[in-house]
C-alpha cells in the first residue's frame, strides 16, 4: 500500500472514533490520556491483525480477486456507514470496562476494512499500525 492509501484508510477508520469521542465530550464525559491510549492500542491491534492475516492469505489468492475483494469490502463498509444513523447514548462515566467496549466497538470496522486493505497490501504493515495508533489516539483524545 502506498503512504497516501494507508493515511486515507486510517483517517476513514478514525472518523467513527472521533464522532463517538465528540458525543462523549458533549455529554461532559472526559476521556483521559490513558483511556485514549488504550482505545488506540485496541483499535490498532484489531487493524494490524486483520491486515496481517489478509496479507498472508493474499499470496494464495490471485491478484484480481484480492483487488476486487478489497474494493467490495471497503465499498460495502462505506455504503453502510453512509446510511447509518448515529446512536444517542449517554453513559454516566467512562469506566475501564466501558473504555474497552468502546475500543472494541470502534475496532469492528477496522477488522473488515483492514482485511480488505490487507488483501491488496504488499508491505508497510508496520506503518499501518504506527499511523493507526497515533491517529486514533489523536481523534479520541
Protein backbone atom coordinates (compact mmCIF):
# COMPACT_ATOMS: atom_id res chain seq x y z
CA UNK A 1 0.00 0.00 0.00
CA UNK A 2 1.16 3.49 -0.71
CA UNK A 3 1.61 6.05 2.06
CA UNK A 4 -1.43 8.04 0.88
CA UNK A 5 -3.59 4.91 0.81
CA UNK A 6 -2.54 4.00 4.34
CA UNK A 7 -3.26 7.50 5.58
CA UNK A 8 -6.69 7.61 3.91
CA UNK A 9 -7.65 4.19 5.30
CA UNK A 10 -6.69 5.16 8.84
CA UNK A 11 -8.36 8.56 8.63
CA UNK A 12 -11.56 6.93 7.38
CA UNK A 13 -11.48 4.42 10.23
CA UNK A 14 -10.77 7.15 12.77
CA UNK A 15 -13.88 9.14 11.87
CA UNK A 16 -16.09 6.77 13.90
CA UNK A 17 -13.85 7.18 16.92
CA UNK A 18 -13.80 10.94 16.51
CA UNK A 19 -17.59 11.20 16.32
CA UNK A 20 -18.04 8.90 19.31
CA UNK A 21 -15.47 10.89 21.33
CA UNK A 22 -17.22 14.14 20.40
CA UNK A 23 -20.53 12.72 21.59
CA UNK A 24 -18.90 11.78 24.90
CA UNK A 25 -17.49 15.30 25.15
CA UNK A 26 -20.91 16.83 24.52
CA UNK A 27 -22.27 14.63 27.33
CA UNK A 28 -19.47 16.07 29.55
CA UNK A 29 -17.66 12.73 29.77
CA UNK A 30 -13.91 13.19 29.68
CA UNK A 31 -11.66 10.59 28.08
CA UNK A 32 -8.32 10.54 29.87
CA UNK A 33 -4.94 10.15 28.18
CA UNK A 34 -4.69 6.59 29.49
CA UNK A 35 -8.16 5.71 28.18
CA UNK A 36 -7.36 7.27 24.78
CA UNK A 37 -4.11 5.27 24.65
CA UNK A 38 -5.97 2.04 25.50
CA UNK A 39 -8.61 2.72 22.84
CA UNK A 40 -5.88 3.50 20.32
CA UNK A 41 -3.95 0.31 21.10
CA UNK A 42 -7.04 -1.91 20.88
CA UNK A 43 -8.22 -0.34 17.61
CA UNK A 44 -4.73 -0.54 16.10
CA UNK A 45 -4.30 -4.13 17.28
CA UNK A 46 -7.50 -5.23 15.56
CA UNK A 47 -6.50 -3.40 12.38
CA UNK A 48 -2.98 -4.86 12.39
CA UNK A 49 -4.31 -8.36 12.95
CA UNK A 50 -6.74 -8.15 10.04
CA UNK A 51 -4.24 -6.52 7.66
CA UNK A 52 -1.57 -9.10 8.53
CA UNK A 53 -3.98 -12.02 8.22
CA UNK A 54 -5.25 -10.81 4.84
CA UNK A 55 -1.72 -10.08 3.61
CA UNK A 56 -0.73 -13.64 4.49
CA UNK A 57 -3.74 -15.01 2.63
CA UNK A 58 -3.21 -12.79 -0.40
CA UNK A 59 -0.23 -14.86 -1.50
CA UNK A 60 -2.56 -17.79 -2.11
CA UNK A 61 -5.29 -15.85 -3.90
CA UNK A 62 -4.99 -14.44 -7.44
CA UNK A 63 -4.33 -10.66 -7.55
CA UNK A 64 -7.52 -9.87 -9.46
CA UNK A 65 -9.60 -11.50 -6.73
CA UNK A 66 -7.74 -9.70 -3.94
CA UNK A 67 -8.19 -6.30 -5.58
CA UNK A 68 -11.85 -6.97 -6.34
CA UNK A 69 -12.43 -8.38 -2.85
CA UNK A 70 -10.78 -5.45 -1.11
CA UNK A 71 -12.79 -2.99 -3.19
CA UNK A 72 -16.08 -4.74 -2.41
CA UNK A 73 -15.36 -4.93 1.34
CA UNK A 74 -14.37 -1.27 1.59
CA UNK A 75 -17.26 -0.15 -0.64
CA UNK A 76 -19.84 -2.02 1.44
CA UNK A 77 -18.45 -0.58 4.69
CA UNK A 78 -18.59 2.92 3.21
CA UNK A 79 -22.15 2.44 1.95
CA UNK A 80 -23.33 1.10 5.31
CA UNK A 81 -21.68 3.99 7.16
CA UNK A 82 -23.23 6.50 4.78
CA UNK A 83 -26.75 5.37 5.61
CA UNK A 84 -26.21 4.53 9.28
CA UNK A 85 -27.96 6.73 11.83
CA UNK A 86 -25.97 7.97 14.82
CA UNK A 87 -26.72 6.38 18.17
CA UNK A 88 -27.64 8.58 21.06
CA UNK A 89 -26.07 7.15 24.17
CA UNK A 90 -25.21 8.94 27.40
CA UNK A 91 -23.12 6.86 29.75
CA UNK A 92 -22.58 8.37 33.18
CA UNK A 93 -18.85 7.73 33.31
CA UNK A 94 -16.35 6.03 31.05
CA UNK A 95 -15.18 3.19 33.27
CA UNK A 96 -12.42 0.72 32.35
CA UNK A 97 -14.96 -1.81 31.08
CA UNK A 98 -16.77 0.84 29.03
CA UNK A 99 -13.44 2.03 27.66
CA UNK A 100 -12.64 -1.49 26.41
CA UNK A 101 -16.15 -1.93 24.97
CA UNK A 102 -15.83 1.44 23.26
CA UNK A 103 -12.46 0.39 21.79
CA UNK A 104 -13.75 -2.98 20.59
CA UNK A 105 -16.84 -1.44 19.00
CA UNK A 106 -14.69 1.13 17.21
CA UNK A 107 -12.39 -1.70 16.05
CA UNK A 108 -15.01 -3.76 14.24
CA UNK A 109 -14.87 -1.57 11.14
CA UNK A 110 -11.09 -1.89 11.29
CA UNK A 111 -11.33 -5.67 11.11
CA UNK A 112 -13.27 -5.64 7.86
CA UNK A 113 -11.51 -2.66 6.32
CA UNK A 114 -8.10 -3.97 7.39
CA UNK A 115 -8.86 -7.33 5.82
CA UNK A 116 -9.90 -5.63 2.59
CA UNK A 117 -6.83 -3.43 2.59
CA UNK A 118 -4.58 -6.31 3.59
CA UNK A 119 -5.63 -8.30 0.54
CA UNK A 120 -4.10 -5.60 -1.62
CA UNK A 121 -1.20 -4.82 0.72
CA UNK A 122 2.28 -5.64 -0.39
CA UNK A 123 4.15 -4.34 2.64
CA UNK A 124 4.10 -1.41 5.06
CA UNK A 125 2.07 -3.27 7.68
CA UNK A 126 4.16 -1.73 10.48
CA UNK A 127 3.41 1.74 9.10
CA UNK A 128 -0.31 0.92 9.21
CA UNK A 129 -0.01 0.03 12.90
CA UNK A 130 2.02 3.10 13.80
CA UNK A 131 -0.22 5.57 11.99
CA UNK A 132 -3.37 3.87 13.23
CA UNK A 133 -2.20 4.10 16.82
CA UNK A 134 -1.21 7.75 16.50
CA UNK A 135 -4.24 8.99 14.55
CA UNK A 136 -6.76 7.05 16.65
CA UNK A 137 -5.20 8.45 19.82
CA UNK A 138 -5.42 11.99 18.46
CA UNK A 139 -9.01 11.63 17.30
CA UNK A 140 -10.20 10.13 20.58
CA UNK A 141 -8.26 12.39 22.93
